[in-house]
């Protein structure tokens, strides 16, 4: 629901480990400082703290306790709460449905359906609502694709019952999946994020992203399960939700926080200096049950992104999850190649070594010890991935249905010419 005018607070609900129903965790309020800057406040409920199975919403910023937490970052919304809110695409859908322009941050949290990423929910009542039980099916994808096209083009929504499915399109209005049009469907006893191609895509993004997830798996990376379905002659990518697990009577939910929250950063350009794989590896040490495993996995992903020119590897495209009490790095998602003009130098979205964001072999190896990897082991790992990608990306893409023409468009993304070029040769 859109919050009533003047409404400045809401209750925060959470699905505890192993449960399919929400309980009330605490209360969030959004106020303003004397200077007019937004200030967010969160406090855990006493009844929640009294539970023996209570868990923290955020293991660093919102630890279990009686304190009133405050933040001025992210428009006054704590990172872990913002991660459960809509992203760019989700906000567009909400605004279209509400018939209003930009809404308040509390409106976005309240209006998004309860099947958002992670284990949180929001509402105006102290008692949580029952979880949603009905989900879209793959047979609904054609109608949702038409709605997505209308929203992208900023057209009027089609009249009739199809317009009611706008609410269904909002089922995954979160940071997982970025700004691409998407929805949630139930398929083969699991929940999947359905990601639609856009009319202005340079290539068949659905098939290319699916191929990259398969290529990552061949490089020993824990990537999200995915598949392609074709509806009405158009391909749709289905990515299995790793924050949901089928259970008796519903779905168990895993807590989740994004890499952006883990880094205590924001998605503004001014905050980009805090975006760092190295810093993220150190944060994993603080909260993860098996930091050696997760830091090593993060190193693999950093190298993979450099080797496929994935320049969209920003912190929102990384996450940690907790299916029980312990936190771990989530499966990899949103792996997409890019074809920058330069063939001599490319940069990642996050710093990856002594030379900042420079996607070069020497830079990737420069801080390997911070990922629990001795230089020799890191060098061997990078060389093996480089050989694997160079030798198999084309075969993988063609096997997953990427056309010869589209392979020609993305060929410059893989192990680009400057990846091992001596620095003096680039100057």
Protein backbone atom coordinates (compact mmCIF):
# COMPACT_ATOMS: atom_id res chain seq x y z
CA UNK A 1 0.00 0.00 0.00
CA UNK A 2 1.04 3.63 -0.47
CA UNK A 3 1.53 5.08 2.99
CA UNK A 4 -0.93 7.69 4.12
CA UNK A 5 0.11 11.32 3.90
CA UNK A 6 2.23 12.12 6.94
CA UNK A 7 2.94 8.49 7.75
CA UNK A 8 6.58 8.42 8.81
CA UNK A 9 7.07 4.98 10.32
CA UNK A 10 6.35 1.32 9.72
CA UNK A 11 6.86 -2.07 11.29
CA UNK A 12 9.60 -4.37 10.02
CA UNK A 13 8.79 -8.06 9.76
CA UNK A 14 11.18 -10.98 9.38
CA UNK A 15 10.87 -14.66 8.49
CA UNK A 16 13.09 -16.49 10.95
CA UNK A 17 15.38 -19.35 9.82
CA UNK A 18 13.34 -22.39 8.88
CA UNK A 19 10.00 -20.53 9.06
CA UNK A 20 7.60 -19.56 6.28
CA UNK A 21 5.64 -16.95 8.27
CA UNK A 22 6.65 -13.46 9.35
CA UNK A 23 7.10 -12.20 12.90
CA UNK A 24 7.47 -8.55 13.88
CA UNK A 25 11.13 -7.65 14.43
CA UNK A 26 10.94 -3.94 15.17
CA UNK A 27 9.92 -0.48 14.08
CA UNK A 28 11.48 1.85 11.53
CA UNK A 29 10.87 5.61 11.48
CA UNK A 30 11.99 8.15 8.89
CA UNK A 31 12.31 11.72 10.15
CA UNK A 32 14.24 14.86 9.22
CA UNK A 33 17.01 16.72 10.97
CA UNK A 34 16.71 20.43 11.69
CA UNK A 35 18.54 21.04 8.42
CA UNK A 36 15.96 18.95 6.55
CA UNK A 37 18.21 15.92 5.98
CA UNK A 38 16.49 12.51 6.29
CA UNK A 39 17.28 10.55 9.44
CA UNK A 40 16.26 6.93 9.87
CA UNK A 41 15.72 5.22 13.22
CA UNK A 42 15.25 1.53 13.94
CA UNK A 43 14.59 -0.28 17.21
CA UNK A 44 14.03 -3.99 17.80
CA UNK A 45 10.81 -4.92 19.62
CA UNK A 46 11.13 -6.21 23.16
CA UNK A 47 9.07 -9.30 22.37
CA UNK A 48 11.35 -10.07 19.42
CA UNK A 49 14.50 -9.71 21.52
CA UNK A 50 12.98 -12.10 24.05
CA UNK A 51 12.78 -14.87 21.44
CA UNK A 52 15.45 -17.55 21.64
CA UNK A 53 15.45 -17.83 17.84
CA UNK A 54 15.81 -14.09 17.13
CA UNK A 55 18.46 -13.16 14.55
CA UNK A 56 19.96 -9.83 13.55
CA UNK A 57 18.68 -8.11 10.40
CA UNK A 58 22.23 -6.92 9.70
CA UNK A 59 25.15 -8.54 11.57
CA UNK A 60 27.13 -5.29 11.66
CA UNK A 61 24.85 -2.24 11.45
CA UNK A 62 21.72 -3.63 13.16
CA UNK A 63 22.97 -6.10 15.76
CA UNK A 64 20.50 -7.55 18.21
CA UNK A 65 20.09 -5.19 21.16
CA UNK A 66 17.93 -2.59 22.84
CA UNK A 67 19.64 0.44 21.29
CA UNK A 68 17.89 2.81 18.91
CA UNK A 69 19.93 2.76 15.71
CA UNK A 70 20.19 5.89 13.56
CA UNK A 71 21.44 6.58 10.03
CA UNK A 72 21.64 9.51 7.64
CA UNK A 73 22.89 7.38 4.72
CA UNK A 74 20.79 6.22 1.75
CA UNK A 75 18.10 8.82 2.35
CA UNK A 76 17.77 7.70 5.96
CA UNK A 77 17.08 4.05 5.08
CA UNK A 78 19.39 1.44 6.62
CA UNK A 79 21.21 -0.58 3.98
CA UNK A 80 19.64 -3.90 4.99
CA UNK A 81 16.15 -2.35 4.73
CA UNK A 82 16.97 -0.68 1.42
CA UNK A 83 18.13 -4.04 0.05
CA UNK A 84 14.58 -5.31 0.63
CA UNK A 85 13.10 -2.36 -1.27
CA UNK A 86 12.60 -1.87 -5.00
CA UNK A 87 15.45 -1.09 -7.38
CA UNK A 88 15.22 1.14 -10.45
CA UNK A 89 12.91 -1.23 -12.33
CA UNK A 90 10.75 -1.93 -9.28
CA UNK A 91 10.35 1.78 -8.64
CA UNK A 92 9.25 2.40 -12.21
CA UNK A 93 6.60 -0.30 -11.91
CA UNK A 94 5.37 1.05 -8.57
CA UNK A 95 5.17 4.60 -9.89
CA UNK A 96 3.31 3.42 -12.99
CA UNK A 97 0.81 1.49 -10.93
CA UNK A 98 0.35 4.29 -8.38
CA UNK A 99 -0.11 6.90 -11.12
CA UNK A 100 2.32 9.16 -9.30
CA UNK A 101 5.83 10.39 -9.88
CA UNK A 102 8.68 9.79 -7.48
CA UNK A 103 7.46 8.62 -4.09
CA UNK A 104 8.95 8.77 -0.62
CA UNK A 105 11.37 6.10 0.54
CA UNK A 106 8.82 4.77 3.02
CA UNK A 107 6.24 4.51 0.24
CA UNK A 108 8.57 2.35 -1.83
CA UNK A 109 9.19 0.00 1.12
CA UNK A 110 5.49 -0.32 1.92
CA UNK A 111 4.21 -0.63 -1.62
CA UNK A 112 6.50 -3.45 -2.77
CA UNK A 113 4.89 -6.90 -2.29
CA UNK A 114 6.12 -9.16 0.48
CA UNK A 115 8.01 -11.50 -1.84
CA UNK A 116 10.97 -9.17 -2.06
CA UNK A 117 14.59 -10.29 -1.80
CA UNK A 118 15.67 -11.64 1.55
CA UNK A 119 13.57 -12.31 4.63
CA UNK A 120 12.11 -8.89 5.46
CA UNK A 121 8.68 -7.35 5.06
CA UNK A 122 7.13 -4.00 5.95
CA UNK A 123 3.67 -2.83 7.01
CA UNK A 124 1.65 -0.35 9.02
CA UNK A 125 0.19 -2.96 11.37
CA UNK A 126 1.95 -4.50 14.33
CA UNK A 127 0.75 -7.95 13.19
CA UNK A 128 2.40 -9.20 9.98
CA UNK A 129 0.11 -10.12 7.09
CA UNK A 130 -0.01 -13.70 5.86
CA UNK A 131 2.60 -14.43 3.17
CA UNK A 132 1.48 -14.44 -0.44
CA UNK A 133 0.56 -17.94 -1.60
CA UNK A 134 -0.18 -17.42 -5.32
CA UNK A 135 2.62 -16.92 -7.82
CA UNK A 136 2.84 -16.26 -11.53
CA UNK A 137 3.36 -19.24 -13.81
CA UNK A 138 5.53 -19.43 -16.87
CA UNK A 139 2.34 -19.29 -18.95
CA UNK A 140 1.86 -15.71 -17.64
CA UNK A 141 5.17 -14.54 -19.13
CA UNK A 142 3.76 -13.39 -22.48
CA UNK A 143 1.34 -10.99 -20.79
CA UNK A 144 4.06 -9.76 -18.43
CA UNK A 145 6.43 -9.20 -21.36
CA UNK A 146 3.82 -6.94 -22.99
CA UNK A 147 3.44 -5.00 -19.77
CA UNK A 148 7.21 -4.69 -19.40
CA UNK A 149 7.45 -3.31 -22.95
CA UNK A 150 4.74 -0.76 -22.15
CA UNK A 151 6.52 0.38 -19.00
CA UNK A 152 9.87 0.65 -20.79
CA UNK A 153 8.26 2.75 -23.54
CA UNK A 154 6.35 4.76 -20.92
CA UNK A 155 3.11 3.89 -22.71
CA UNK A 156 -0.32 3.59 -21.21
CA UNK A 157 -0.91 0.22 -19.61
CA UNK A 158 -3.18 -2.07 -21.65
CA UNK A 159 -6.79 -1.95 -20.42
CA UNK A 160 -8.57 -4.85 -18.81
CA UNK A 161 -7.46 -7.70 -16.62
CA UNK A 162 -3.88 -7.66 -17.93
CA UNK A 163 -3.31 -4.33 -16.20
CA UNK A 164 -3.95 -6.06 -12.89
CA UNK A 165 -0.80 -8.11 -13.44
CA UNK A 166 1.33 -5.01 -12.85
CA UNK A 167 1.24 -6.06 -9.23
CA UNK A 168 2.73 -9.39 -10.26
CA UNK A 169 5.56 -7.63 -12.10
CA UNK A 170 6.50 -6.04 -8.78
CA UNK A 171 7.15 -9.36 -7.10
CA UNK A 172 10.90 -8.93 -7.45
CA UNK A 173 11.34 -5.16 -7.32
CA UNK A 174 14.70 -5.50 -5.60
CA UNK A 175 18.38 -4.98 -6.13
CA UNK A 176 18.79 -8.57 -7.36
CA UNK A 177 18.62 -8.37 -11.14
CA UNK A 178 19.45 -4.67 -11.40
CA UNK A 179 17.43 -2.35 -13.62
CA UNK A 180 16.22 -4.88 -16.18
CA UNK A 181 12.49 -5.69 -16.46
CA UNK A 182 11.69 -8.76 -14.41
CA UNK A 183 9.07 -10.65 -12.45
CA UNK A 184 8.81 -13.80 -10.34
CA UNK A 185 7.35 -17.09 -11.53
CA UNK A 186 6.85 -20.44 -9.85
CA UNK A 187 8.20 -23.23 -12.00
CA UNK A 188 9.12 -26.85 -11.24
CA UNK A 189 8.48 -26.39 -7.53
CA UNK A 190 10.75 -23.38 -7.14
CA UNK A 191 10.67 -19.59 -7.50
CA UNK A 192 12.54 -18.03 -10.40
CA UNK A 193 13.34 -14.45 -11.40
CA UNK A 194 12.13 -13.97 -14.98
CA UNK A 195 14.31 -11.43 -16.78
CA UNK A 196 12.96 -10.07 -20.05
CA UNK A 197 14.87 -8.87 -23.07
CA UNK A 198 14.45 -5.20 -23.91
CA UNK A 199 13.63 -3.94 -27.41
CA UNK A 200 16.80 -1.84 -27.39
CA UNK A 201 19.19 -4.65 -26.36
CA UNK A 202 22.29 -4.94 -28.56
CA UNK A 203 22.09 -8.74 -28.43
CA UNK A 204 19.90 -11.46 -26.95
CA UNK A 205 20.69 -10.57 -23.36
CA UNK A 206 18.71 -13.46 -21.89
CA UNK A 207 20.69 -16.13 -23.72
CA UNK A 208 24.03 -14.39 -23.29
CA UNK A 209 23.56 -14.00 -19.51
CA UNK A 210 22.50 -17.64 -19.24
CA UNK A 211 25.64 -18.66 -21.14
CA UNK A 212 27.81 -16.58 -18.77
CA UNK A 213 26.29 -18.28 -15.73
CA UNK A 214 27.12 -21.64 -17.31
CA UNK A 215 30.63 -20.47 -18.20
CA UNK A 216 31.16 -19.30 -14.60
CA UNK A 217 30.16 -22.73 -13.34
CA UNK A 218 32.75 -24.29 -15.62
CA UNK A 219 35.29 -22.00 -13.92
CA UNK A 220 34.36 -23.49 -10.52
CA UNK A 221 32.24 -20.47 -9.54
CA UNK A 222 29.07 -21.02 -7.52
CA UNK A 223 26.60 -19.36 -9.89
CA UNK A 224 22.82 -19.19 -9.69
CA UNK A 225 20.82 -21.87 -11.52
CA UNK A 226 19.28 -20.60 -14.75
CA UNK A 227 17.40 -21.68 -17.85
CA UNK A 228 15.82 -20.16 -20.95
CA UNK A 229 12.14 -20.34 -21.85
CA UNK A 230 10.73 -19.01 -25.11
CA UNK A 231 7.30 -17.37 -24.97
CA UNK A 232 5.60 -15.84 -27.98
CA UNK A 233 8.81 -16.08 -29.97
CA UNK A 234 10.83 -14.15 -27.35
CA UNK A 235 13.40 -15.56 -24.96
CA UNK A 236 13.09 -15.07 -21.21
CA UNK A 237 15.87 -15.88 -18.73
CA UNK A 238 14.80 -17.69 -15.57
CA UNK A 239 17.23 -17.43 -12.62
CA UNK A 240 16.41 -19.58 -9.62
CA UNK A 241 16.02 -17.60 -6.43
CA UNK A 242 18.70 -18.60 -3.96
CA UNK A 243 16.95 -16.79 -1.10
CA UNK A 244 13.93 -19.12 -1.20
CA UNK A 245 13.55 -22.84 -0.48
CA UNK A 246 10.35 -24.80 -0.95
CA UNK A 247 8.86 -26.05 2.32
CA UNK A 248 5.61 -27.48 3.61
CA UNK A 249 3.07 -24.68 3.40
CA UNK A 250 5.22 -22.14 1.61
CA UNK A 251 8.81 -21.02 1.10
CA UNK A 252 11.56 -20.58 3.65
CA UNK A 253 13.37 -17.26 3.24
CA UNK A 254 17.06 -16.51 3.60
CA UNK A 255 18.18 -13.19 5.00
CA UNK A 256 20.17 -11.17 2.49
CA UNK A 257 22.24 -8.00 2.38
CA UNK A 258 23.91 -6.58 -0.71
CA UNK A 259 27.58 -5.92 -1.22
CA UNK A 260 26.74 -2.22 -1.06
CA UNK A 261 25.43 -2.64 2.48
CA UNK A 262 28.35 -4.88 3.38
CA UNK A 263 30.72 -2.07 2.33
CA UNK A 264 28.68 0.56 4.23
CA UNK A 265 28.53 2.54 1.01
CA UNK A 266 25.97 4.14 -1.29
CA UNK A 267 25.33 3.88 -5.02
CA UNK A 268 26.28 7.50 -5.72
CA UNK A 269 29.33 8.38 -7.81
CA UNK A 270 30.88 10.17 -4.82
CA UNK A 271 30.91 6.90 -2.88
CA UNK A 272 32.64 4.91 -5.61
CA UNK A 273 36.00 5.07 -3.82
CA UNK A 274 34.51 2.68 -1.24
CA UNK A 275 33.58 0.07 -3.85
CA UNK A 276 36.30 -2.52 -3.50
CA UNK A 277 36.68 -6.29 -3.85
CA UNK A 278 39.52 -6.15 -1.35
CA UNK A 279 37.41 -4.36 1.25
CA UNK A 280 34.55 -6.75 0.56
CA UNK A 281 36.85 -9.72 1.24
CA UNK A 282 37.76 -8.16 4.58
CA UNK A 283 34.08 -7.65 5.43
CA UNK A 284 33.44 -11.31 4.65
CA UNK A 285 36.03 -12.13 7.31
CA UNK A 286 33.92 -10.26 9.86
CA UNK A 287 30.58 -11.95 9.28
CA UNK A 288 30.91 -15.22 7.33
CA UNK A 289 31.00 -18.66 8.88
CA UNK A 290 33.70 -19.80 6.42
CA UNK A 291 35.59 -16.65 5.36
CA UNK A 292 38.39 -18.54 3.62
CA UNK A 293 35.95 -20.28 1.30
CA UNK A 294 33.97 -17.11 0.59
CA UNK A 295 36.97 -14.81 0.09
CA UNK A 296 38.51 -17.31 -2.33
CA UNK A 297 35.19 -17.52 -4.18
CA UNK A 298 35.05 -13.71 -4.37
CA UNK A 299 38.54 -13.68 -5.89
CA UNK A 300 37.38 -16.12 -8.59
CA UNK A 301 34.41 -13.88 -9.39
CA UNK A 302 36.58 -10.79 -9.56
CA UNK A 303 38.89 -12.51 -12.06
CA UNK A 304 35.94 -13.89 -14.04
CA UNK A 305 34.38 -10.42 -14.34
CA UNK A 306 37.68 -9.04 -15.63
CA UNK A 307 38.05 -11.88 -18.13
CA UNK A 308 34.55 -11.39 -19.62
CA UNK A 309 34.63 -7.57 -19.36
CA UNK A 310 31.70 -7.49 -16.95
CA UNK A 311 31.86 -3.79 -16.13
CA UNK A 312 28.49 -3.96 -14.34
CA UNK A 313 29.97 -5.74 -11.31
CA UNK A 314 28.93 -2.99 -8.88
CA UNK A 315 28.29 -3.85 -5.18
CA UNK A 316 24.54 -4.38 -5.65
CA UNK A 317 25.42 -7.29 -7.91
CA UNK A 318 27.03 -9.09 -4.98
CA UNK A 319 25.30 -10.33 -1.83
CA UNK A 320 25.61 -12.40 1.32
CA UNK A 321 22.80 -14.60 2.57
CA UNK A 322 21.92 -16.50 5.74
CA UNK A 323 19.65 -19.53 5.40
CA UNK A 324 20.13 -20.26 9.10
CA UNK A 325 22.14 -18.23 11.59
CA UNK A 326 25.36 -18.25 9.57
CA UNK A 327 26.18 -15.83 6.73
CA UNK A 328 27.84 -16.79 3.47
CA UNK A 329 28.49 -15.34 0.02
CA UNK A 330 25.46 -15.83 -2.21
CA UNK A 331 25.65 -17.59 -5.58
CA UNK A 332 26.90 -15.33 -8.39
CA UNK A 333 24.31 -13.55 -10.53
CA UNK A 334 24.07 -10.74 -13.10
CA UNK A 335 27.14 -11.87 -15.05
CA UNK A 336 27.03 -9.94 -18.32
CA UNK A 337 29.82 -9.20 -20.82
CA UNK A 338 30.40 -5.71 -22.19
CA UNK A 339 32.28 -4.51 -25.23
CA UNK A 340 34.00 -1.22 -24.33
CA UNK A 341 35.71 0.65 -27.16
CA UNK A 342 39.17 0.31 -25.66
CA UNK A 343 40.98 -2.96 -26.37
CA UNK A 344 44.03 -1.97 -24.32
CA UNK A 345 42.55 -1.03 -20.93
CA UNK A 346 39.32 -1.89 -19.17
CA UNK A 347 38.11 -1.16 -15.65
CA UNK A 348 35.76 -3.02 -13.35
CA UNK A 349 33.13 -1.20 -11.31
CA UNK A 350 35.00 -1.95 -8.08
CA UNK A 351 38.65 -1.63 -7.08
CA UNK A 352 40.43 -4.95 -7.51
CA UNK A 353 44.05 -4.28 -6.53
CA UNK A 354 46.89 -1.79 -6.04
CA UNK A 355 46.00 -0.02 -9.30
CA UNK A 356 42.37 0.57 -8.46
CA UNK A 357 39.68 -0.71 -10.85
CA UNK A 358 42.13 -1.69 -13.61
CA UNK A 359 41.09 -5.10 -15.00
CA UNK A 360 44.65 -6.32 -15.59
CA UNK A 361 46.21 -9.62 -14.54
CA UNK A 362 48.94 -8.00 -12.42
CA UNK A 363 46.43 -5.82 -10.61
CA UNK A 364 44.11 -8.73 -9.85
CA UNK A 365 47.01 -10.62 -8.28
CA UNK A 366 48.43 -7.67 -6.34
CA UNK A 367 46.25 -8.18 -3.24
CA UNK A 368 45.69 -11.93 -3.43
CA UNK A 369 46.79 -12.46 0.17
CA UNK A 370 43.78 -10.43 1.34
CA UNK A 371 41.64 -13.17 -0.22
CA UNK A 372 43.54 -15.88 1.72
CA UNK A 373 45.41 -16.82 -1.46
CA UNK A 374 49.22 -17.02 -1.70
CA UNK A 375 50.51 -15.37 -4.86
CA UNK A 376 51.45 -18.68 -6.49
CA UNK A 377 48.02 -20.23 -5.89
CA UNK A 378 46.26 -17.09 -7.11
CA UNK A 379 48.40 -17.00 -10.25
CA UNK A 380 47.58 -20.62 -11.06
CA UNK A 381 43.87 -20.02 -10.48
CA UNK A 382 43.84 -16.97 -12.76
CA UNK A 383 45.77 -18.73 -15.53
CA UNK A 384 43.40 -21.71 -15.46
CA UNK A 385 40.35 -19.44 -15.68
CA UNK A 386 41.92 -17.42 -18.49
CA UNK A 387 42.57 -20.58 -20.50
CA UNK A 388 39.11 -21.98 -19.77
CA UNK A 389 37.32 -18.82 -20.86
CA UNK A 390 39.44 -18.23 -23.96
CA UNK A 391 38.98 -21.83 -25.10
CA UNK A 392 35.30 -22.41 -24.28
CA UNK A 393 33.30 -19.16 -24.21
CA UNK A 394 32.24 -19.50 -27.86
CA UNK A 395 31.33 -23.17 -27.56
CA UNK A 396 29.36 -22.44 -24.36
CA UNK A 397 27.49 -19.53 -25.92
CA UNK A 398 26.55 -21.46 -29.05
CA UNK A 399 25.46 -24.49 -27.00
CA UNK A 400 23.13 -22.25 -24.97
CA UNK A 401 21.54 -20.83 -28.11
CA UNK A 402 23.44 -17.58 -28.65
CA UNK A 403 23.43 -16.90 -32.39
CA UNK A 404 26.55 -16.67 -34.51
CA UNK A 405 25.76 -13.00 -35.08
CA UNK A 406 25.48 -12.25 -31.36
CA UNK A 407 28.71 -14.16 -30.67
CA UNK A 408 30.36 -11.83 -33.15
CA UNK A 409 29.06 -8.84 -31.20
CA UNK A 410 30.42 -10.03 -27.85
CA UNK A 411 33.67 -11.66 -28.95
CA UNK A 412 35.76 -8.64 -27.92
CA UNK A 413 34.64 -9.03 -24.30
CA UNK A 414 36.62 -12.19 -23.57
CA UNK A 415 40.25 -12.09 -22.37
CA UNK A 416 40.64 -8.67 -24.00
CA UNK A 417 43.93 -7.77 -25.67
CA UNK A 418 45.19 -5.57 -22.83
CA UNK A 419 44.62 -8.10 -20.05
CA UNK A 420 48.32 -9.01 -19.92
CA UNK A 421 49.74 -6.16 -21.97
CA UNK A 422 52.80 -4.61 -20.33
CA UNK A 423 51.85 -1.29 -18.76
CA UNK A 424 54.50 0.64 -20.68
CA UNK A 425 52.95 -0.61 -23.93
CA UNK A 426 49.66 1.01 -22.95
CA UNK A 427 51.14 4.44 -22.30
